[in-house]
Amino acid sequence: MTPDKPSILIVEDEAKMRRLLELQLGDEGFVAQTAPDAEAGLQMLGKQPYDLIVTDFKLPGMSGLEFLQAVRRTDANVPVIIMTAYGTVESAVEAMKAGANDYVLKPFSLAELVLVIRKELGAQQLREENRTLREALGVKYKYDNIVADSTKMQAVLALVERVARSNATVLIGGESGVGKDLVARAIHQHSQRAAGPFVKINSTAIPETLLESELFGYEKGAFSGATTSKPGKFELADKGTLFLDEIGDVPPAIQVKLLRVLQEREFERLGGTKTLKVDVRLIAATNRDLRAALEEGTFREDLYYRLNVVAIDIPPLRDRKEDVPGLVNFFLQKFAREMEKPAHTITPEAMKLLVDFHWPGNVREVENVIQRAVTLSSGSALDVSDIQLDAPVARSNSGASSHVLPPGMTLDQWEEEAIREALRQANGNKSQAARALGLSRNALRYRLSKMGVPDPEPET
C-alpha cells in the first residue's frame, strides 16, 4: 500500500456503476482503476499489484467466485471485497469461505463501502506487520496485569500492540481462564478509544430472555416490569469498546441483531421503533471452536466472518510454562500485600511443583492456588506444604481400560448417560451442565431433544 493513496481495482460489468465508483473512490483519496470483467481484471493484476480489490459477485464470463479463486492462487494476502445483491447473501458467505475478506449488499451507500475498504486496508496492514513480527520478535512488550515472559505470549502482545491502533473487530480465542478479558482491556487501553468506555458483558452469565435487552436496551412497556426505558450495552459503549465474552453461546436470534450492528452500526431497542446509531468497537471472545459451531448450525457463518477480522489466540498455560514463575510471583506479591502476610517469596521446591503442574484451569487456577496458599501460610516463604493442587483424574491401567467405551454400552448410550449425570450434578442448570460437558447451551438443548428429555426448568 502506498503511503499516500492506496490503489484499488474495481471489477464491475455495469459501465455506469464502474465509472461512479471510480470517481467517488478517487474523491475519497484512493487511486481507483476499473475492469469490465474478471478476465480483464486478471490481466491488470498481472501488470501491477493493488492494495485492495472490489469485485461484483455476478460477472459475465468468469464469475466473481472464480475470479476470487484465481486471485488467491497468485496472491493469498490482497484484501478482496465482494459486492452482491441482497438475495445472494449466501453466495457472499461462500465467497468469504473461499478467501474474500468482506462483502457489501447492493444497494449500498458510498460511505458504507468506504468504511469497509478502510477497515480492510487497516486489517491488512496489521496482518503484514504481525507476519514480520513473528519472523523477528525482538521487542519485549509489557502490559499492566499481564505476565508474558514466554515467546508465545510475547507474540500475542505484539499483535495486541498493532491491532490496538485500528478499529478492526477482534476475535479472541482460548481456553477458559487464559486471560481473554485482560487482553481485550489492553487493546482498548492502547487504542484511540481509551478515553471512551470499556463495557464488558458475558453472554453465559445472563439468561437468554434478558440478553437481548441487556445488549440493545428496551423501551418503557416493552415487557412486563419495564416501567422505564433503559439503554443497552451498545449505547453505553458508544465511542468506546464493547467486550462480548463467550460469543459462541449467543442465541441465533441475537446473532442476527449483532450482525446488523457490525454491518450498519445501528439497531432498535427492544420494544422500540427508533433506529439508534452507535460508534462502537466490538471485541469478542470465545473458549469454543466456532468452526465446529458452524458445522453444528449453532453459529451463523456470516457473523463469524464479520467477527474474525483479526484473530488473537491465547495459548493455554501448559504450552507456555515459562510464564508460570512470573504469574506465581505476581499473585504472591498481590495477595501477601492485600492480606498483610509475611510470605513474599517462594522456595525453589515449591516453584518446581507449580511449574510442573498441568494447570487445567490456566491462569485463573494459578491465582486461586496462590491465594489459598498465602491465606494458609505462616512463614516468610511459601513452601510445598502450603500449596494444595487438585489431583488429576486417575486413569486405571487394568481391566476394562483397554475399551474406548464401557463394556456393553454404545456411544449414544454413553453420551446420554454423561449428559444426564452432568444435569444431575448441576441440579438441572443448563449452563453449568453444558460447561462441564464442554458444550454450548444450544448444543446441549439439541442433544436433549434427540434424547427426548424435556428441557430443564428456566434458570434463575
Protein backbone atom coordinates (compact mmCIF):
# COMPACT_ATOMS: atom_id res chain seq x y z
CA MET A 1 0.00 0.00 0.00
CA THR A 2 1.39 3.39 -1.00
CA PRO A 3 1.81 5.84 1.89
CA ASP A 4 -0.49 8.50 0.39
CA LYS A 5 -3.06 6.87 -1.86
CA PRO A 6 -3.94 3.15 -1.67
CA SER A 7 -4.59 1.57 -5.07
CA ILE A 8 -7.91 -0.20 -5.66
CA LEU A 9 -9.01 -2.40 -8.55
CA ILE A 10 -12.77 -2.35 -9.24
CA VAL A 11 -14.22 -5.23 -11.27
CA GLU A 12 -17.80 -4.35 -12.32
CA ASP A 13 -19.64 -5.11 -15.55
CA GLU A 14 -22.13 -2.21 -15.37
CA ALA A 15 -20.42 0.76 -17.02
CA LYS A 16 -22.28 3.47 -15.05
CA MET A 17 -21.62 1.80 -11.70
CA ARG A 18 -17.99 1.22 -12.66
CA ARG A 19 -17.46 4.88 -13.56
CA LEU A 20 -19.33 6.11 -10.47
CA LEU A 21 -17.20 4.02 -8.13
CA GLU A 22 -14.01 5.11 -9.88
CA LEU A 23 -14.84 8.81 -9.49
CA GLN A 24 -16.19 8.62 -5.96
CA LEU A 25 -13.36 6.48 -4.58
CA GLY A 26 -10.94 8.88 -6.24
CA ASP A 27 -12.59 11.73 -4.34
CA GLU A 28 -12.10 9.73 -1.13
CA GLY A 29 -8.33 9.66 -1.62
CA PHE A 30 -7.87 6.30 -3.36
CA VAL A 31 -6.28 5.54 -6.72
CA ALA A 32 -9.10 3.58 -8.38
CA GLN A 33 -8.80 1.63 -11.63
CA THR A 34 -11.55 -0.44 -13.22
CA ALA A 35 -12.09 -3.59 -15.26
CA PRO A 36 -15.35 -4.63 -17.01
CA ASP A 37 -14.95 -8.34 -16.29
CA ALA A 38 -12.83 -10.87 -14.41
CA GLU A 39 -10.58 -11.67 -17.36
CA ALA A 40 -9.62 -8.02 -17.78
CA GLY A 41 -9.15 -7.73 -14.03
CA LEU A 42 -6.67 -10.64 -14.00
CA GLN A 43 -4.72 -9.03 -16.84
CA MET A 44 -4.45 -5.79 -14.87
CA LEU A 45 -3.33 -7.72 -11.78
CA GLY A 46 -0.60 -9.31 -13.87
CA LYS A 47 0.80 -5.89 -14.74
CA GLN A 48 0.83 -4.26 -11.30
CA PRO A 49 -0.09 -5.05 -7.67
CA TYR A 50 -3.09 -3.45 -5.96
CA ASP A 51 -3.70 -2.76 -2.30
CA LEU A 52 -7.33 -3.94 -2.45
CA ILE A 53 -9.85 -5.40 -4.90
CA VAL A 54 -13.58 -4.66 -5.08
CA THR A 55 -15.48 -7.07 -7.34
CA ASP A 56 -19.09 -7.81 -8.21
CA PHE A 57 -20.17 -11.36 -7.46
CA LYS A 58 -22.17 -11.69 -10.66
CA LEU A 59 -19.94 -11.07 -13.69
CA PRO A 60 -20.15 -12.05 -17.38
CA GLY A 61 -17.93 -14.99 -18.28
CA MET A 62 -15.82 -15.87 -15.26
CA SER A 63 -17.90 -15.37 -12.09
CA GLY A 64 -16.83 -13.30 -9.10
CA LEU A 65 -16.18 -16.51 -7.14
CA GLU A 66 -13.96 -17.91 -9.91
CA PHE A 67 -12.18 -14.55 -10.11
CA LEU A 68 -11.56 -14.65 -6.36
CA GLN A 69 -10.15 -18.17 -6.57
CA ALA A 70 -7.84 -17.11 -9.42
CA VAL A 71 -6.64 -14.12 -7.38
CA ARG A 72 -5.95 -16.29 -4.35
CA ARG A 73 -3.81 -18.66 -6.41
CA THR A 74 -1.41 -15.82 -7.15
CA ASP A 75 -1.84 -13.59 -4.08
CA ALA A 76 -3.09 -15.02 -0.80
CA ASN A 77 -2.96 -11.70 1.05
CA VAL A 78 -4.56 -8.91 -1.01
CA PRO A 79 -7.93 -7.94 0.55
CA VAL A 80 -10.96 -8.70 -1.65
CA ILE A 81 -14.41 -7.17 -1.06
CA ILE A 82 -17.44 -8.73 -2.77
CA MET A 83 -20.41 -6.64 -3.97
CA THR A 84 -23.60 -8.68 -4.10
CA ALA A 85 -27.36 -8.26 -4.26
CA TYR A 86 -29.28 -8.92 -1.04
CA GLY A 87 -30.82 -12.13 -2.40
CA THR A 88 -27.41 -13.71 -2.93
CA VAL A 89 -26.01 -13.18 0.56
CA GLU A 90 -25.46 -16.95 0.87
CA SER A 91 -23.18 -16.73 -2.16
CA ALA A 92 -21.26 -13.92 -0.49
CA VAL A 93 -20.70 -16.08 2.56
CA GLU A 94 -19.49 -18.86 0.25
CA ALA A 95 -17.05 -16.37 -1.26
CA MET A 96 -15.77 -15.37 2.19
CA LYS A 97 -15.15 -19.03 2.96
CA ALA A 98 -13.12 -19.15 -0.28
CA GLY A 99 -10.99 -16.22 0.80
CA ALA A 100 -12.92 -12.96 0.43
CA ASN A 101 -12.38 -10.53 3.29
CA ASP A 102 -15.79 -8.84 3.41
CA TYR A 103 -18.91 -8.06 1.39
CA VAL A 104 -21.38 -5.22 0.85
CA LEU A 105 -25.01 -5.69 -0.12
CA LYS A 106 -26.46 -3.80 -3.08
CA PRO A 107 -27.77 -1.18 -3.00
CA PHE A 108 -25.12 0.29 -0.71
CA SER A 109 -24.04 3.83 0.11
CA LEU A 110 -20.59 5.13 -0.73
CA ALA A 111 -19.99 5.78 2.97
CA GLU A 112 -20.62 2.10 3.75
CA LEU A 113 -18.23 0.91 1.03
CA VAL A 114 -15.52 3.36 2.10
CA LEU A 115 -15.89 2.21 5.72
CA VAL A 116 -15.40 -1.43 4.70
CA ILE A 117 -12.44 -0.54 2.44
CA ARG A 118 -10.65 1.44 5.15
CA LYS A 119 -11.30 -1.33 7.70
CA GLU A 120 -9.82 -3.99 5.40
CA LEU A 121 -6.80 -1.86 4.48
CA GLY A 122 -6.12 -1.31 8.17
CA ALA A 123 -6.55 -5.00 8.96
CA GLN A 124 -4.25 -5.95 6.08
CA GLN A 125 -1.55 -3.67 7.42
CA LEU A 126 -1.92 -5.33 10.81
CA ARG A 127 -1.60 -8.79 9.29
CA GLU A 128 1.53 -7.81 7.40
CA GLU A 129 3.11 -6.29 10.50
CA ASN A 130 2.25 -9.39 12.51
CA ARG A 131 3.88 -11.68 9.94
CA THR A 132 7.03 -9.59 10.18
CA LEU A 133 6.89 -9.72 13.96
CA ARG A 134 6.61 -13.50 14.01
CA GLU A 135 9.72 -13.74 11.87
CA ALA A 136 11.79 -11.47 14.09
CA LEU A 137 10.37 -10.78 17.53
CA GLY A 138 12.93 -8.62 19.24
CA VAL A 139 10.87 -6.22 21.37
CA LYS A 140 9.80 -7.03 24.90
CA TYR A 141 6.17 -5.99 25.38
CA LYS A 142 4.80 -5.23 28.83
CA TYR A 143 1.20 -4.58 29.79
CA ASP A 144 -0.29 -3.98 33.23
CA ASN A 145 -1.52 -7.17 34.93
CA ILE A 146 -0.38 -9.39 32.02
CA VAL A 147 2.58 -11.70 32.59
CA ALA A 148 4.20 -12.55 29.28
CA ASP A 149 7.70 -13.99 29.64
CA SER A 150 7.18 -16.73 27.06
CA THR A 151 7.74 -16.30 23.33
CA LYS A 152 4.12 -17.28 22.66
CA MET A 153 2.68 -14.60 24.91
CA GLN A 154 5.11 -12.01 23.56
CA ALA A 155 3.72 -12.78 20.10
CA VAL A 156 0.19 -12.24 21.48
CA LEU A 157 1.14 -8.86 22.97
CA ALA A 158 2.91 -7.85 19.77
CA LEU A 159 -0.35 -8.40 17.91
CA VAL A 160 -2.25 -6.51 20.63
CA GLU A 161 0.13 -3.59 20.10
CA ARG A 162 -0.70 -3.48 16.39
CA VAL A 163 -4.42 -4.18 16.49
CA ALA A 164 -5.00 -1.58 19.22
CA ARG A 165 -4.20 1.22 16.76
CA SER A 166 -7.03 0.28 14.42
CA ASN A 167 -10.81 -0.02 14.77
CA ALA A 168 -10.84 -3.58 13.42
CA THR A 169 -13.14 -6.10 15.07
CA VAL A 170 -11.14 -8.62 17.11
CA LEU A 171 -11.98 -12.24 17.96
CA ILE A 172 -10.03 -13.57 20.96
CA GLY A 173 -9.85 -17.33 21.35
CA GLY A 174 -8.52 -19.50 24.13
CA GLU A 175 -9.46 -21.84 26.92
CA SER A 176 -11.34 -20.64 29.97
CA GLY A 177 -9.02 -18.88 32.40
CA VAL A 178 -6.23 -17.84 29.99
CA GLY A 179 -6.95 -14.11 30.41
CA LYS A 180 -9.02 -13.13 27.38
CA ASP A 181 -10.63 -10.25 29.28
CA LEU A 182 -7.21 -8.80 30.18
CA VAL A 183 -6.13 -8.88 26.53
CA ALA A 184 -9.39 -7.19 25.48
CA ARG A 185 -8.89 -4.45 28.05
CA ALA A 186 -5.26 -3.98 26.92
CA ILE A 187 -6.45 -3.45 23.33
CA HIS A 188 -8.93 -0.81 24.50
CA GLN A 189 -6.47 0.99 26.78
CA HIS A 190 -3.90 1.31 24.00
CA SER A 191 -6.38 2.39 21.33
CA GLN A 192 -7.66 5.81 20.26
CA ARG A 193 -10.82 4.91 22.17
CA ALA A 194 -9.02 4.67 25.52
CA ALA A 195 -10.79 7.80 26.81
CA GLY A 196 -14.15 6.18 26.00
CA PRO A 197 -15.96 3.47 27.95
CA PHE A 198 -14.92 -0.19 28.11
CA VAL A 199 -18.12 -2.19 28.59
CA LYS A 200 -17.99 -5.93 29.28
CA ILE A 201 -20.81 -8.44 29.05
CA ASN A 202 -20.69 -12.24 29.42
CA SER A 203 -23.42 -13.92 27.41
CA THR A 204 -23.44 -17.05 29.61
CA ALA A 205 -23.94 -15.04 32.81
CA ILE A 206 -27.27 -13.61 31.62
CA PRO A 207 -30.43 -15.64 30.91
CA GLU A 208 -31.29 -15.80 27.23
CA THR A 209 -34.58 -13.99 27.82
CA LEU A 210 -32.69 -10.97 29.18
CA LEU A 211 -29.62 -10.96 26.93
CA GLU A 212 -31.27 -9.02 24.09
CA SER A 213 -32.45 -6.24 26.40
CA GLU A 214 -29.03 -6.11 28.09
CA LEU A 215 -27.27 -5.67 24.75
CA PHE A 216 -29.70 -3.37 22.95
CA GLY A 217 -31.75 -1.82 25.77
CA TYR A 218 -35.52 -1.56 25.97
CA GLU A 219 -38.33 0.97 25.89
CA LYS A 220 -40.92 1.53 28.58
CA GLY A 221 -43.64 -1.11 28.32
CA ALA A 222 -41.56 -3.43 26.13
CA PHE A 223 -42.32 -6.28 28.55
CA SER A 224 -43.86 -6.88 31.95
CA GLY A 225 -41.89 -4.91 34.51
CA ALA A 226 -40.37 -2.44 32.02
CA THR A 227 -41.61 0.66 33.84
CA THR A 228 -38.90 2.91 32.37
CA SER A 229 -36.66 2.93 29.30
CA LYS A 230 -33.13 1.63 29.67
CA PRO A 231 -30.09 1.89 27.36
CA GLY A 232 -28.26 -1.31 26.47
CA LYS A 233 -24.56 -2.14 26.47
CA PHE A 234 -24.09 -0.94 22.88
CA GLU A 235 -25.37 2.53 23.78
CA LEU A 236 -23.26 2.60 26.94
CA ALA A 237 -20.18 1.68 24.90
CA ASP A 238 -20.67 4.45 22.30
CA LYS A 239 -17.30 6.00 21.33
CA GLY A 240 -15.61 3.14 23.20
CA THR A 241 -15.27 -0.64 23.18
CA LEU A 242 -17.77 -3.42 23.88
CA PHE A 243 -16.23 -6.71 25.02
CA LEU A 244 -18.64 -9.58 24.42
CA ASP A 245 -17.36 -12.67 26.20
CA GLU A 246 -18.47 -16.20 25.23
CA ILE A 247 -19.78 -15.09 21.85
CA GLY A 248 -20.21 -18.74 20.87
CA ASP A 249 -23.13 -19.08 23.29
CA VAL A 250 -25.18 -16.17 21.93
CA PRO A 251 -28.61 -17.42 20.73
CA PRO A 252 -29.32 -17.35 16.95
CA ALA A 253 -31.94 -14.59 17.18
CA ILE A 254 -29.47 -12.24 18.85
CA GLN A 255 -26.74 -13.25 16.40
CA VAL A 256 -28.89 -11.66 13.66
CA LYS A 257 -29.03 -8.34 15.53
CA LEU A 258 -25.28 -8.45 16.23
CA LEU A 259 -24.63 -8.95 12.52
CA ARG A 260 -26.69 -5.88 11.72
CA VAL A 261 -24.80 -3.74 14.25
CA LEU A 262 -21.48 -4.85 12.77
CA GLN A 263 -22.66 -4.17 9.21
CA GLU A 264 -24.67 -0.98 9.64
CA ARG A 265 -23.76 0.34 13.13
CA GLU A 266 -27.44 0.67 14.00
CA PHE A 267 -30.21 -1.10 15.92
CA GLU A 268 -33.50 -0.56 17.75
CA ARG A 269 -34.17 -1.03 21.44
CA LEU A 270 -36.43 -3.89 22.46
CA GLY A 271 -39.99 -2.65 22.01
CA GLY A 272 -38.81 0.49 20.21
CA THR A 273 -39.12 1.79 16.65
CA LYS A 274 -36.43 4.50 16.64
CA THR A 275 -33.21 3.45 14.91
CA LEU A 276 -30.13 4.24 17.01
CA LYS A 277 -26.65 4.79 15.56
CA VAL A 278 -23.55 3.89 17.57
CA ASP A 279 -19.78 4.15 17.15
CA VAL A 280 -18.59 1.04 18.98
CA ARG A 281 -15.62 -1.23 18.51
CA LEU A 282 -16.54 -4.86 19.21
CA ILE A 283 -14.08 -7.29 20.74
CA ALA A 284 -15.49 -10.80 21.07
CA ALA A 285 -14.08 -13.79 22.91
CA THR A 286 -14.80 -17.50 22.96
CA ASN A 287 -13.41 -20.67 24.51
CA ARG A 288 -15.21 -22.75 21.87
CA ASP A 289 -14.18 -23.80 18.38
CA LEU A 290 -16.53 -21.58 16.37
CA ARG A 291 -15.83 -23.56 13.19
CA ALA A 292 -17.28 -26.60 14.92
CA ALA A 293 -20.26 -24.47 15.93
CA LEU A 294 -20.71 -23.55 12.25
CA GLU A 295 -20.91 -27.24 11.40
CA GLU A 296 -23.40 -27.82 14.21
CA GLY A 297 -25.53 -24.98 12.87
CA THR A 298 -25.47 -23.10 16.19
CA PHE A 299 -23.44 -20.13 14.91
CA ARG A 300 -24.06 -18.03 11.81
CA GLU A 301 -21.42 -18.15 9.10
CA ASP A 302 -21.86 -14.50 8.10
CA LEU A 303 -21.45 -13.34 11.71
CA TYR A 304 -18.34 -15.48 12.13
CA TYR A 305 -16.64 -13.87 9.15
CA ARG A 306 -17.64 -10.40 10.34
CA LEU A 307 -16.11 -11.10 13.75
CA ASN A 308 -12.97 -12.85 12.55
CA VAL A 309 -11.28 -9.77 11.06
CA VAL A 310 -8.26 -10.06 13.36
CA ALA A 311 -7.97 -13.25 15.42
CA ILE A 312 -5.88 -13.46 18.58
CA ASP A 313 -5.47 -16.94 20.04
CA ILE A 314 -4.13 -17.11 23.60
CA PRO A 315 -2.24 -20.37 24.24
CA PRO A 316 -3.07 -22.43 27.35
CA LEU A 317 -0.69 -22.18 30.28
CA ARG A 318 0.53 -25.78 29.84
CA ASP A 319 2.01 -24.67 26.47
CA ARG A 320 3.89 -21.73 27.97
CA LYS A 321 5.39 -22.96 31.22
CA GLU A 322 7.90 -20.09 31.11
CA ASP A 323 5.09 -17.81 32.31
CA VAL A 324 4.35 -19.82 35.47
CA PRO A 325 7.12 -18.33 37.69
CA GLY A 326 6.14 -14.79 36.72
CA LEU A 327 2.47 -15.49 37.40
CA VAL A 328 3.24 -17.12 40.75
CA ASN A 329 5.33 -14.15 41.90
CA PHE A 330 2.74 -11.66 40.61
CA PHE A 331 -0.09 -13.25 42.57
CA LEU A 332 2.14 -13.92 45.59
CA GLN A 333 3.01 -10.23 45.93
CA LYS A 334 -0.60 -9.21 45.30
CA PHE A 335 -2.17 -11.42 47.97
CA ALA A 336 0.63 -11.02 50.54
CA ARG A 337 0.15 -7.27 50.30
CA GLU A 338 -3.66 -7.45 50.48
CA MET A 339 -3.67 -9.88 53.42
CA GLU A 340 -0.65 -8.30 55.14
CA LYS A 341 1.07 -11.69 55.21
CA PRO A 342 4.85 -12.18 55.66
CA ALA A 343 5.15 -14.65 52.76
CA HIS A 344 6.63 -12.60 49.91
CA THR A 345 8.89 -15.32 48.47
CA ILE A 346 8.61 -18.97 47.47
CA THR A 347 11.05 -21.86 47.88
CA PRO A 348 12.63 -23.47 44.78
CA GLU A 349 10.93 -26.79 45.60
CA ALA A 350 7.50 -25.16 45.72
CA MET A 351 8.15 -23.30 42.48
CA LYS A 352 9.18 -26.52 40.74
CA LEU A 353 5.97 -28.16 41.92
CA LEU A 354 3.96 -25.34 40.39
CA VAL A 355 5.90 -25.24 37.11
CA ASP A 356 5.49 -29.00 36.63
CA PHE A 357 1.73 -28.92 37.24
CA HIS A 358 -0.61 -29.29 34.23
CA TRP A 359 -2.86 -26.27 35.11
CA PRO A 360 -6.18 -27.31 33.52
CA GLY A 361 -7.72 -24.08 34.88
CA ASN A 362 -4.94 -21.92 33.36
CA VAL A 363 -4.07 -18.52 34.88
CA ARG A 364 -7.28 -18.34 36.90
CA GLU A 365 -6.31 -21.59 38.65
CA VAL A 366 -2.82 -20.25 39.43
CA GLU A 367 -4.43 -17.23 41.06
CA ASN A 368 -6.73 -19.39 43.17
CA VAL A 369 -3.93 -21.73 44.27
CA ILE A 370 -1.65 -18.87 45.31
CA GLN A 371 -4.45 -17.04 47.10
CA ARG A 372 -5.21 -20.19 49.10
CA ALA A 373 -1.51 -20.79 49.83
CA VAL A 374 -0.95 -17.24 51.08
CA THR A 375 -4.09 -17.44 53.21
CA LEU A 376 -2.90 -20.63 54.94
CA SER A 377 0.80 -19.73 55.16
CA SER A 378 2.51 -18.63 58.35
CA GLY A 379 6.17 -18.40 57.32
CA SER A 380 8.13 -15.85 55.33
CA ALA A 381 8.21 -18.04 52.23
CA LEU A 382 5.69 -20.35 50.58
CA ASP A 383 6.78 -23.97 50.77
CA VAL A 384 5.49 -27.21 49.27
CA SER A 385 3.38 -27.84 52.36
CA ASP A 386 1.49 -24.57 51.80
CA ILE A 387 0.40 -25.47 48.28
CA GLN A 388 -2.68 -27.55 47.58
CA LEU A 389 -3.18 -28.71 43.99
CA ASP A 390 -6.19 -30.55 42.66
CA ALA A 391 -5.22 -34.13 41.91
CA PRO A 392 -5.56 -35.18 38.24
CA VAL A 393 -8.32 -37.62 37.37
CA ALA A 394 -6.96 -41.11 37.88
CA ARG A 395 -6.86 -43.42 34.86
CA SER A 396 -6.92 -47.16 35.51
CA ASN A 397 -4.37 -49.29 33.66
CA SER A 398 -6.15 -52.58 34.22
CA GLY A 399 -9.29 -54.43 33.39
CA ALA A 400 -11.64 -52.59 31.06
CA SER A 401 -9.22 -49.72 30.43
CA SER A 402 -8.43 -51.17 27.01
CA HIS A 403 -12.01 -50.41 25.94
CA VAL A 404 -12.80 -46.99 24.48
CA LEU A 405 -16.34 -47.30 25.90
CA PRO A 406 -17.62 -49.17 28.96
CA PRO A 407 -18.36 -52.80 28.02
CA GLY A 408 -21.85 -53.33 26.60
CA MET A 409 -22.52 -49.62 26.06
CA THR A 410 -22.87 -47.86 22.71
CA LEU A 411 -21.51 -44.37 22.02
CA ASP A 412 -25.03 -42.90 22.04
CA GLN A 413 -25.80 -44.56 25.36
CA TRP A 414 -22.54 -43.34 26.87
CA GLU A 415 -23.23 -39.77 25.68
CA GLU A 416 -26.79 -39.83 27.07
CA GLU A 417 -25.58 -41.08 30.43
CA ALA A 418 -22.88 -38.39 30.56
CA ILE A 419 -25.46 -35.69 29.80
CA ARG A 420 -27.90 -37.00 32.42
CA GLU A 421 -25.14 -37.15 35.03
CA ALA A 422 -23.96 -33.60 34.21
CA LEU A 423 -27.51 -32.30 34.62
CA ARG A 424 -27.89 -34.16 37.94
CA GLN A 425 -24.67 -32.70 39.28
CA ALA A 426 -25.68 -29.21 38.11
CA ASN A 427 -29.16 -29.55 39.64
CA GLY A 428 -30.71 -29.03 36.21
CA ASN A 429 -28.74 -25.85 35.43
CA LYS A 430 -28.19 -25.98 31.66
CA SER A 431 -25.29 -23.54 31.61
CA GLN A 432 -23.33 -25.39 34.31
CA ALA A 433 -24.02 -28.78 32.71
CA ALA A 434 -23.00 -27.50 29.28
CA ARG A 435 -19.74 -26.09 30.65
CA ALA A 436 -18.96 -29.37 32.41
CA LEU A 437 -19.52 -31.23 29.14
CA GLY A 438 -17.61 -28.71 27.01
CA LEU A 439 -20.76 -27.82 25.04
CA SER A 440 -22.71 -24.65 24.33
CA ARG A 441 -26.18 -24.33 25.82
CA ASN A 442 -27.71 -24.66 22.36
CA ALA A 443 -25.69 -27.79 21.61
CA LEU A 444 -26.88 -29.30 24.91
CA ARG A 445 -30.50 -28.49 24.07
CA TYR A 446 -30.09 -30.16 20.69
CA ARG A 447 -28.78 -33.32 22.30
CA LEU A 448 -31.57 -33.27 24.90
CA SER A 449 -34.18 -33.04 22.16
CA LYS A 450 -32.61 -36.05 20.41
CA MET A 451 -32.77 -37.96 23.69
CA GLY A 452 -36.42 -37.00 24.19
CA VAL A 453 -35.54 -35.40 27.54
CA PRO A 454 -37.66 -32.34 28.44
CA ASP A 455 -35.73 -29.08 28.81
CA PRO A 456 -34.92 -28.35 32.47
CA GLU A 457 -36.75 -25.50 34.09
CA PRO A 458 -35.51 -21.99 33.11
CA GLU A 459 -32.52 -20.88 35.13
CA THR A 460 -32.79 -18.11 37.65
